[in-house]
PDB file of N, CA and C in Angstrom:
ATOM      1  N   MET A   1      -0.247  23.948  -7.252  1.00  0.00           N
ATOM      2  CA  MET A   1      -1.493  23.059  -7.386  1.00  0.00           C
ATOM      3  C   MET A   1      -1.006  21.782  -8.041  1.00  0.00           C
ATOM      4  N   LYS A   2      -0.166  21.426  -8.700  1.00  0.00           N
ATOM      5  CA  LYS A   2      -0.040  20.875  -9.023  1.00  0.00           C
ATOM      6  C   LYS A   2       1.438  20.545  -8.524  1.00  0.00           C
ATOM      7  N   LYS A   3       2.595  20.486  -8.124  1.00  0.00           N
ATOM      8  CA  LYS A   3       3.208  20.476  -7.331  1.00  0.00           C
ATOM      9  C   LYS A   3       3.147  19.731  -6.211  1.00  0.00           C
ATOM     10  N   THR A   4       2.233  21.116  -5.979  1.00  0.00           N
ATOM     11  CA  THR A   4       0.807  20.178  -4.046  1.00  0.00           C
ATOM     12  C   THR A   4       0.836  18.312  -4.313  1.00  0.00           C
ATOM     13  N   LEU A   5      -0.035  17.916  -5.134  1.00  0.00           N
ATOM     14  CA  LEU A   5      -0.640  16.984  -5.932  1.00  0.00           C
ATOM     15  C   LEU A   5       0.455  16.022  -6.234  1.00  0.00           C
ATOM     16  N   LEU A   6       1.471  16.749  -7.280  1.00  0.00           N
ATOM     17  CA  LEU A   6       2.612  15.449  -6.957  1.00  0.00           C
ATOM     18  C   LEU A   6       3.117  14.943  -5.757  1.00  0.00           C
ATOM     19  N   ARG A   7       3.510  16.329  -4.550  1.00  0.00           N
ATOM     20  CA  ARG A   7       3.828  16.088  -3.318  1.00  0.00           C
ATOM     21  C   ARG A   7       3.068  15.361  -2.865  1.00  0.00           C
ATOM     22  N   LEU A   8       2.037  15.228  -2.710  1.00  0.00           N
ATOM     23  CA  LEU A   8       0.493  14.079  -2.343  1.00  0.00           C
ATOM     24  C   LEU A   8       0.950  12.856  -2.423  1.00  0.00           C
ATOM     25  N   ALA A   9       1.243  12.360  -4.069  1.00  0.00           N
ATOM     26  CA  ALA A   9       0.994  11.247  -5.054  1.00  0.00           C
ATOM     27  C   ALA A   9       2.166  10.774  -4.522  1.00  0.00           C
ATOM     28  N   PHE A  10       3.324  11.386  -4.741  1.00  0.00           N
ATOM     29  CA  PHE A  10       5.175  10.408  -4.127  1.00  0.00           C
ATOM     30  C   PHE A  10       4.496  10.011  -2.044  1.00  0.00           C
ATOM     31  N   VAL A  11       3.700  11.029  -1.505  1.00  0.00           N
ATOM     32  CA  VAL A  11       3.560  10.495  -0.519  1.00  0.00           C
ATOM     33  C   VAL A  11       2.899   9.503   0.165  1.00  0.00           C
ATOM     34  N   ALA A  12       1.685   9.496  -1.206  1.00  0.00           N
ATOM     35  CA  ALA A  12       0.237   8.023  -1.176  1.00  0.00           C
ATOM     36  C   ALA A  12       0.661   7.649  -1.806  1.00  0.00           C
ATOM     37  N   LEU A  13       1.901   6.753  -2.129  1.00  0.00           N
ATOM     38  CA  LEU A  13       2.408   5.727  -3.435  1.00  0.00           C
ATOM     39  C   LEU A  13       2.962   5.095  -2.616  1.00  0.00           C
ATOM     40  N   PRO A  14       3.566   4.841  -1.891  1.00  0.00           N
ATOM     41  CA  PRO A  14       4.426   3.718  -1.062  1.00  0.00           C
ATOM     42  C   PRO A  14       3.490   3.579   0.216  1.00  0.00           C
ATOM     43  N   MET A  15       2.864   4.025   0.841  1.00  0.00           N
ATOM     44  CA  MET A  15       2.079   4.047   1.576  1.00  0.00           C
ATOM     45  C   MET A  15       1.269   2.844   1.490  1.00  0.00           C
ATOM     46  N   PHE A  16       0.114   4.064   0.018  1.00  0.00           N
ATOM     47  CA  PHE A  16      -0.445   2.632  -0.181  1.00  0.00           C
ATOM     48  C   PHE A  16      -0.045   1.145  -1.296  1.00  0.00           C
ATOM     49  N   GLY A  17       0.823   1.090  -1.086  1.00  0.00           N
ATOM     50  CA  GLY A  17       2.037  -0.185  -1.361  1.00  0.00           C
ATOM     51  C   GLY A  17       1.887  -0.960  -0.651  1.00  0.00           C
ATOM     52  N   PHE A  18       2.320   0.176   1.127  1.00  0.00           N
ATOM     53  CA  PHE A  18       2.609  -0.349   1.674  1.00  0.00           C
ATOM     54  C   PHE A  18       1.543  -2.038   2.143  1.00  0.00           C
ATOM     55  N   ALA A  19       1.126  -1.055   2.336  1.00  0.00           N
ATOM     56  CA  ALA A  19      -0.230  -1.322   2.705  1.00  0.00           C
ATOM     57  C   ALA A  19      -0.934  -3.059   1.962  1.00  0.00           C
ATOM     58  N   GLN A  20      -1.062  -2.394   0.676  1.00  0.00           N
ATOM     59  CA  GLN A  20      -1.227  -3.816  -0.139  1.00  0.00           C
ATOM     60  C   GLN A  20      -0.788  -5.450  -0.040  1.00  0.00           C
ATOM     61  N   THR A  21       0.393  -4.417   0.027  1.00  0.00           N
ATOM     62  CA  THR A  21       0.854  -6.047   0.623  1.00  0.00           C
ATOM     63  C   THR A  21       2.117  -6.663   1.693  1.00  0.00           C
ATOM     64  N   TYR A  22       1.355  -5.337   3.273  1.00  0.00           N
ATOM     65  CA  TYR A  22       0.911  -6.178   3.739  1.00  0.00           C
ATOM     66  C   TYR A  22      -0.325  -6.780   4.104  1.00  0.00           C
ATOM     67  N   PHE A  23      -1.242  -6.275   3.704  1.00  0.00           N
ATOM     68  CA  PHE A  23      -2.735  -7.229   3.753  1.00  0.00           C
ATOM     69  C   PHE A  23      -2.968  -8.233   3.269  1.00  0.00           C
ATOM     70  N   SER A  24      -2.471  -7.942   1.680  1.00  0.00           N
ATOM     71  CA  SER A  24      -1.726  -9.183   0.739  1.00  0.00           C
ATOM     72  C   SER A  24      -0.976 -10.688   1.557  1.00  0.00           C
ATOM     73  N   ASP A  25      -0.397  -9.707   2.232  1.00  0.00           N
ATOM     74  CA  ASP A  25       1.371 -11.136   2.754  1.00  0.00           C
ATOM     75  C   ASP A  25       0.011 -12.043   4.446  1.00  0.00           C
ATOM     76  N   ASN A  26      -0.560 -10.841   5.164  1.00  0.00           N
ATOM     77  CA  ASN A  26      -1.452 -11.748   5.779  1.00  0.00           C
ATOM     78  C   ASN A  26      -2.706 -12.180   5.124  1.00  0.00           C
ATOM     79  N   PHE A  27      -3.596 -12.632   4.026  1.00  0.00           N
ATOM     80  CA  PHE A  27      -4.623 -12.436   3.842  1.00  0.00           C
ATOM     81  C   PHE A  27      -3.769 -14.089   3.178  1.00  0.00           C
ATOM     82  N   ASP A  28      -2.270 -14.258   2.773  1.00  0.00           N
ATOM     83  CA  ASP A  28      -1.480 -14.998   2.189  1.00  0.00           C
ATOM     84  C   ASP A  28      -1.772 -16.473   3.103  1.00  0.00           C
ATOM     85  N   ASP A  29      -1.018 -15.557   3.768  1.00  0.00           N
ATOM     86  CA  ASP A  29      -1.177 -16.413   5.596  1.00  0.00           C
ATOM     87  C   ASP A  29      -2.107 -16.847   6.319  1.00  0.00           C
ATOM     88  N   GLU A  30      -3.090 -15.886   5.902  1.00  0.00           N
ATOM     89  CA  GLU A  30      -4.548 -17.586   6.710  1.00  0.00           C
ATOM     90  C   GLU A  30      -4.941 -18.285   5.698  1.00  0.00           C
ATOM     91  N   ASP A  31      -5.125 -18.089   4.451  1.00  0.00           N
ATOM     92  CA  ASP A  31      -4.840 -18.764   3.092  1.00  0.00           C
ATOM     93  C   ASP A  31      -3.987 -20.217   3.906  1.00  0.00           C
ATOM     94  N   ILE A  32      -2.423 -19.773   4.387  1.00  0.00           N
ATOM     95  CA  ILE A  32      -1.513 -21.181   3.831  1.00  0.00           C
ATOM     96  C   ILE A  32      -2.730 -21.894   5.799  1.00  0.00           C
ATOM     97  N   SER A  33      -2.899 -20.844   6.599  1.00  0.00           N
ATOM     98  CA  SER A  33      -3.495 -21.590   8.307  1.00  0.00           C
ATOM     99  C   SER A  33      -3.937 -22.479   7.605  1.00  0.00           C
ATOM    100  N   ASP A  34      -4.404 -22.006   6.211  1.00  0.00           N
ATOM    101  CA  ASP A  34      -5.945 -23.323   6.483  1.00  0.00           C
ATOM    102  C   ASP A  34      -5.623 -24.260   5.825  1.00  0.00           C
TER     103      ASP A  34
END
């Protein structure tokens, strides 16, 4: 069970980080355009 959770965490963390940077970049662009 722990191994499955660890594998899920290793897969989800990079995806979450990518989504965070992607959305933050978009928000920054909107702020600059304003």
